[in-house]
C-alpha atoms as a PDB file:
ATOM      1  CA  UNK A   1      10.503  -8.606  -1.559  1.00  0.00           C
ATOM      2  CA  UNK A   2      10.058  -4.931  -0.723  1.00  0.00           C
ATOM      3  CA  UNK A   3      11.543  -5.419   2.744  1.00  0.00           C
ATOM      4  CA  UNK A   4      14.610  -7.044   1.184  1.00  0.00           C
ATOM      5  CA  UNK A   5      15.031  -4.224  -1.307  1.00  0.00           C
ATOM      6  CA  UNK A   6      14.471  -1.592   1.373  1.00  0.00           C
ATOM      7  CA  UNK A   7      17.006  -3.272   3.620  1.00  0.00           C
ATOM      8  CA  UNK A   8      19.542  -3.398   0.807  1.00  0.00           C
ATOM      9  CA  UNK A   9      19.043   0.288   0.111  1.00  0.00           C
ATOM     10  CA  UNK A  10      19.289   1.269   3.796  1.00  0.00           C
ATOM     11  CA  UNK A  11      21.862  -1.270   4.995  1.00  0.00           C
ATOM     12  CA  UNK A  12      24.581   1.269   5.891  1.00  0.00           C
ATOM     13  CA  UNK A  13      22.097   3.289   7.973  1.00  0.00           C
ATOM     14  CA  UNK A  14      20.755   0.127   9.609  1.00  0.00           C
ATOM     15  CA  UNK A  15      24.266  -0.874  10.631  1.00  0.00           C
ATOM     16  CA  UNK A  16      25.313   2.519  11.948  1.00  0.00           C
ATOM     17  CA  UNK A  17      22.082   4.147  13.164  1.00  0.00           C
ATOM     18  CA  UNK A  18      19.491   1.455  13.827  1.00  0.00           C
ATOM     19  CA  UNK A  19      17.969   3.573  16.599  1.00  0.00           C
ATOM     20  CA  UNK A  20      16.976   6.218  14.012  1.00  0.00           C
ATOM     21  CA  UNK A  21      14.359   3.848  12.584  1.00  0.00           C
ATOM     22  CA  UNK A  22      10.906   3.379  14.112  1.00  0.00           C
ATOM     23  CA  UNK A  23      10.751  -0.046  15.866  1.00  0.00           C
ATOM     24  CA  UNK A  24       8.294  -1.653  13.429  1.00  0.00           C
ATOM     25  CA  UNK A  25      10.385  -0.458  10.486  1.00  0.00           C
ATOM     26  CA  UNK A  26      13.525  -1.784  12.183  1.00  0.00           C
ATOM     27  CA  UNK A  27      11.938  -5.231  12.403  1.00  0.00           C
ATOM     28  CA  UNK A  28      10.819  -5.214   8.781  1.00  0.00           C
ATOM     29  CA  UNK A  29      14.152  -4.056   7.382  1.00  0.00           C
ATOM     30  CA  UNK A  30      16.201  -6.404   9.549  1.00  0.00           C
ATOM     31  CA  UNK A  31      14.025  -9.327   8.465  1.00  0.00           C
ATOM     32  CA  UNK A  32      14.445  -8.241   4.843  1.00  0.00           C
ATOM     33  CA  UNK A  33      18.218  -8.091   5.212  1.00  0.00           C
ATOM     34  CA  UNK A  34      18.250 -11.698   6.400  1.00  0.00           C
ATOM     35  CA  UNK A  35      16.164 -13.263   3.628  1.00  0.00           C
ATOM     36  CA  UNK A  36      17.919 -16.109   1.808  1.00  0.00           C
ATOM     37  CA  UNK A  37      18.975 -15.381  -1.777  1.00  0.00           C
ATOM     38  CA  UNK A  38      16.920 -18.329  -3.063  1.00  0.00           C
ATOM     39  CA  UNK A  39      13.751 -16.788  -1.630  1.00  0.00           C
ATOM     40  CA  UNK A  40      14.533 -13.445  -3.240  1.00  0.00           C
ATOM     41  CA  UNK A  41      15.193 -15.139  -6.586  1.00  0.00           C
ATOM     42  CA  UNK A  42      11.836 -16.929  -6.380  1.00  0.00           C
ATOM     43  CA  UNK A  43      10.083 -13.688  -5.384  1.00  0.00           C
ATOM     44  CA  UNK A  44      11.576 -11.948  -8.422  1.00  0.00           C
ATOM     45  CA  UNK A  45      10.123 -14.662 -10.672  1.00  0.00           C
ATOM     46  CA  UNK A  46       6.703 -14.236  -9.048  1.00  0.00           C
ATOM     47  CA  UNK A  47       7.038 -10.461  -9.467  1.00  0.00           C
ATOM     48  CA  UNK A  48       7.724 -10.914 -13.194  1.00  0.00           C
ATOM     49  CA  UNK A  49       4.585 -13.055 -13.553  1.00  0.00           C
ATOM     50  CA  UNK A  50       2.549 -10.421 -11.695  1.00  0.00           C
ATOM     51  CA  UNK A  51       3.902  -7.661 -13.926  1.00  0.00           C
ATOM     52  CA  UNK A  52       2.986  -9.635 -17.040  1.00  0.00           C
ATOM     53  CA  UNK A  53      -0.552 -10.304 -15.772  1.00  0.00           C
ATOM     54  CA  UNK A  54      -1.141  -6.669 -14.869  1.00  0.00           C
ATOM     55  CA  UNK A  55       0.351  -5.430 -18.159  1.00  0.00           C
ATOM     56  CA  UNK A  56      -2.167  -7.586 -20.021  1.00  0.00           C
ATOM     57  CA  UNK A  57      -5.016  -6.230 -17.896  1.00  0.00           C
ATOM     58  CA  UNK A  58      -3.870  -2.620 -18.255  1.00  0.00           C
ATOM     59  CA  UNK A  59      -3.668  -3.027 -22.030  1.00  0.00           C
ATOM     60  CA  UNK A  60      -7.474  -2.765 -21.989  1.00  0.00           C
ATOM     61  CA  UNK A  61      -7.940  -0.339 -19.089  1.00  0.00           C
ATOM     62  CA  UNK A  62      -6.244   2.948 -18.227  1.00  0.00           C
ATOM     63  CA  UNK A  63      -6.932   2.656 -14.501  1.00  0.00           C
ATOM     64  CA  UNK A  64      -8.109  -0.119 -12.219  1.00  0.00           C
ATOM     65  CA  UNK A  65     -10.043   0.549  -9.014  1.00  0.00           C
ATOM     66  CA  UNK A  66      -9.595  -1.960  -6.205  1.00  0.00           C
ATOM     67  CA  UNK A  67      -9.903  -2.036  -2.418  1.00  0.00           C
ATOM     68  CA  UNK A  68      -6.946  -0.460  -0.634  1.00  0.00           C
ATOM     69  CA  UNK A  69      -7.553  -2.148   2.706  1.00  0.00           C
ATOM     70  CA  UNK A  70      -9.596  -5.116   3.899  1.00  0.00           C
ATOM     71  CA  UNK A  71     -11.523  -2.964   6.373  1.00  0.00           C
ATOM     72  CA  UNK A  72     -12.559   0.581   7.126  1.00  0.00           C
ATOM     73  CA  UNK A  73     -10.063   2.879   8.796  1.00  0.00           C
ATOM     74  CA  UNK A  74      -9.302   1.659  12.292  1.00  0.00           C
ATOM     75  CA  UNK A  75      -9.315   3.662  15.504  1.00  0.00           C
ATOM     76  CA  UNK A  76      -5.961   5.140  16.507  1.00  0.00           C
ATOM     77  CA  UNK A  77      -4.042   2.694  18.669  1.00  0.00           C
ATOM     78  CA  UNK A  78      -5.791  -0.455  17.456  1.00  0.00           C
ATOM     79  CA  UNK A  79      -3.197  -3.201  17.013  1.00  0.00           C
ATOM     80  CA  UNK A  80      -5.247  -6.268  15.989  1.00  0.00           C
ATOM     81  CA  UNK A  81      -7.786  -6.875  13.237  1.00  0.00           C
ATOM     82  CA  UNK A  82     -10.421  -9.612  13.060  1.00  0.00           C
ATOM     83  CA  UNK A  83     -11.570 -10.678   9.593  1.00  0.00           C
ATOM     84  CA  UNK A  84     -13.884 -13.621   9.015  1.00  0.00           C
ATOM     85  CA  UNK A  85     -13.248 -14.855  12.547  1.00  0.00           C
ATOM     86  CA  UNK A  86      -9.449 -14.701  12.273  1.00  0.00           C
ATOM     87  CA  UNK A  87      -7.545 -12.223  14.448  1.00  0.00           C
ATOM     88  CA  UNK A  88      -4.242 -10.951  13.084  1.00  0.00           C
ATOM     89  CA  UNK A  89      -1.844  -8.032  13.585  1.00  0.00           C
ATOM     90  CA  UNK A  90      -3.315  -4.864  12.103  1.00  0.00           C
ATOM     91  CA  UNK A  91      -0.278  -3.259  10.488  1.00  0.00           C
ATOM     92  CA  UNK A  92       0.699  -6.021   8.019  1.00  0.00           C
ATOM     93  CA  UNK A  93      -2.972  -6.836   7.372  1.00  0.00           C
ATOM     94  CA  UNK A  94      -3.704  -3.360   6.057  1.00  0.00           C
ATOM     95  CA  UNK A  95      -1.323  -3.950   3.149  1.00  0.00           C
ATOM     96  CA  UNK A  96      -2.934  -7.155   1.888  1.00  0.00           C
ATOM     97  CA  UNK A  97      -4.270  -5.443  -1.239  1.00  0.00           C
ATOM     98  CA  UNK A  98      -1.665  -2.721  -1.793  1.00  0.00           C
ATOM     99  CA  UNK A  99       1.584  -4.613  -1.250  1.00  0.00           C
ATOM    100  CA  UNK A 100       1.238  -6.895  -4.297  1.00  0.00           C
ATOM    101  CA  UNK A 101       0.713  -3.849  -6.514  1.00  0.00           C
ATOM    102  CA  UNK A 102       3.683  -2.037  -4.966  1.00  0.00           C
ATOM    103  CA  UNK A 103       5.844  -5.125  -5.343  1.00  0.00           C
ATOM    104  CA  UNK A 104       5.343  -5.159  -9.106  1.00  0.00           C
ATOM    105  CA  UNK A 105       6.096  -1.448  -9.375  1.00  0.00           C
ATOM    106  CA  UNK A 106       2.819   0.000 -10.590  1.00  0.00           C
ATOM    107  CA  UNK A 107       1.779   3.504  -9.564  1.00  0.00           C
ATOM    108  CA  UNK A 108      -1.056   3.639  -7.050  1.00  0.00           C
ATOM    109  CA  UNK A 109      -3.068   6.454  -5.520  1.00  0.00           C
ATOM    110  CA  UNK A 110      -5.249   5.618  -2.538  1.00  0.00           C
ATOM    111  CA  UNK A 111      -8.365   7.678  -1.847  1.00  0.00           C
ATOM    112  CA  UNK A 112     -10.999   7.434   0.911  1.00  0.00           C
ATOM    113  CA  UNK A 113     -14.585   6.728  -0.106  1.00  0.00           C
ATOM    114  CA  UNK A 114     -17.176   9.177   1.110  1.00  0.00           C
ATOM    115  CA  UNK A 115     -19.214   7.653   3.953  1.00  0.00           C
ATOM    116  CA  UNK A 116     -22.106   8.705   6.139  1.00  0.00           C
ATOM    117  CA  UNK A 117     -21.213  11.165   8.878  1.00  0.00           C
ATOM    118  CA  UNK A 118     -19.383   9.498  11.733  1.00  0.00           C
ATOM    119  CA  UNK A 119     -18.506   6.355   9.776  1.00  0.00           C
ATOM    120  CA  UNK A 120     -14.803   5.683   9.322  1.00  0.00           C
ATOM    121  CA  UNK A 121     -13.818   5.656   5.634  1.00  0.00           C
ATOM    122  CA  UNK A 122     -12.632   2.753   3.555  1.00  0.00           C
ATOM    123  CA  UNK A 123      -9.955   3.351   0.966  1.00  0.00           C
ATOM    124  CA  UNK A 124      -9.799   2.373  -2.660  1.00  0.00           C
ATOM    125  CA  UNK A 125      -6.652   2.273  -4.729  1.00  0.00           C
ATOM    126  CA  UNK A 126      -6.439   3.612  -8.232  1.00  0.00           C
ATOM    127  CA  UNK A 127      -3.876   1.513 -10.094  1.00  0.00           C
ATOM    128  CA  UNK A 128      -2.279   2.833 -13.258  1.00  0.00           C
ATOM    129  CA  UNK A 129       0.102   1.921 -16.006  1.00  0.00           C
ATOM    130  CA  UNK A 130       3.820   2.400 -15.406  1.00  0.00           C
ATOM    131  CA  UNK A 131       4.829   6.085 -15.392  1.00  0.00           C
ATOM    132  CA  UNK A 132       1.204   7.239 -15.687  1.00  0.00           C
ATOM    133  CA  UNK A 133       0.810   8.821 -12.257  1.00  0.00           C
ATOM    134  CA  UNK A 134      -0.843  11.912 -13.755  1.00  0.00           C
ATOM    135  CA  UNK A 135      -3.780   9.778 -14.933  1.00  0.00           C
ATOM    136  CA  UNK A 136      -4.317   8.618 -11.357  1.00  0.00           C
ATOM    137  CA  UNK A 137      -4.447  12.192 -10.065  1.00  0.00           C
ATOM    138  CA  UNK A 138      -6.923  13.145 -12.803  1.00  0.00           C
ATOM    139  CA  UNK A 139      -9.143  10.168 -11.931  1.00  0.00           C
ATOM    140  CA  UNK A 140      -8.985  10.991  -8.218  1.00  0.00           C
ATOM    141  CA  UNK A 141      -9.995  14.567  -8.989  1.00  0.00           C
ATOM    142  CA  UNK A 142     -13.022  13.350 -10.981  1.00  0.00           C
ATOM    143  CA  UNK A 143     -14.031  11.043  -8.110  1.00  0.00           C
ATOM    144  CA  UNK A 144     -13.666  13.908  -5.641  1.00  0.00           C
ATOM    145  CA  UNK A 145     -15.642  16.337  -7.807  1.00  0.00           C
ATOM    146  CA  UNK A 146     -18.442  13.790  -8.212  1.00  0.00           C
ATOM    147  CA  UNK A 147     -18.668  13.259  -4.439  1.00  0.00           C
ATOM    148  CA  UNK A 148     -17.478   9.646  -4.467  1.00  0.00           C
ATOM    149  CA  UNK A 149     -14.231  10.373  -2.610  1.00  0.00           C
ATOM    150  CA  UNK A 150     -13.390  13.017  -0.063  1.00  0.00           C
ATOM    151  CA  UNK A 151     -10.432  13.695   2.169  1.00  0.00           C
ATOM    152  CA  UNK A 152     -11.113  16.914   4.045  1.00  0.00           C
ATOM    153  CA  UNK A 153      -8.434  18.051   6.453  1.00  0.00           C
ATOM    154  CA  UNK A 154      -9.156  17.412  10.112  1.00  0.00           C
ATOM    155  CA  UNK A 155     -10.255  20.607  11.929  1.00  0.00           C
ATOM    156  CA  UNK A 156      -6.960  20.829  13.834  1.00  0.00           C
ATOM    157  CA  UNK A 157      -5.019  20.883  10.548  1.00  0.00           C
ATOM    158  CA  UNK A 158      -7.072  23.401   8.588  1.00  0.00           C
ATOM    159  CA  UNK A 159      -5.409  26.718   7.845  1.00  0.00           C
END
């Protein structure tokens, strides 16, 4: 769904300047541009059901906390991921938990959990009500102040 919408938004640029897009983005947008209308219609119905389910859940909660990725951060350059004995491409696998939330249009803020020294972090996503991004930033600040989350700049990027 998001690749179809992105392709529709960027179609003129895709046609005239495809080389300006990173190769993996090219593939995603081109695939989105070629999706059949019936599939998009069905996806919109599924999106509406997801929105209704999340609206009911968020009626009782201001913010939901959920995993952002199915694994800890991966080493730079890693292209495959093995989960429960199944090996799959890393890039699309990292969005397993965030893409459904993005597809229904809810605001999300992803923060890394504090881990022991030398251990790669795992991210959690803070999911909020529509147009309530400020609540997510406040919650992230509380998590950071309490030591649950931390995202210090890498030494090379500190000023």
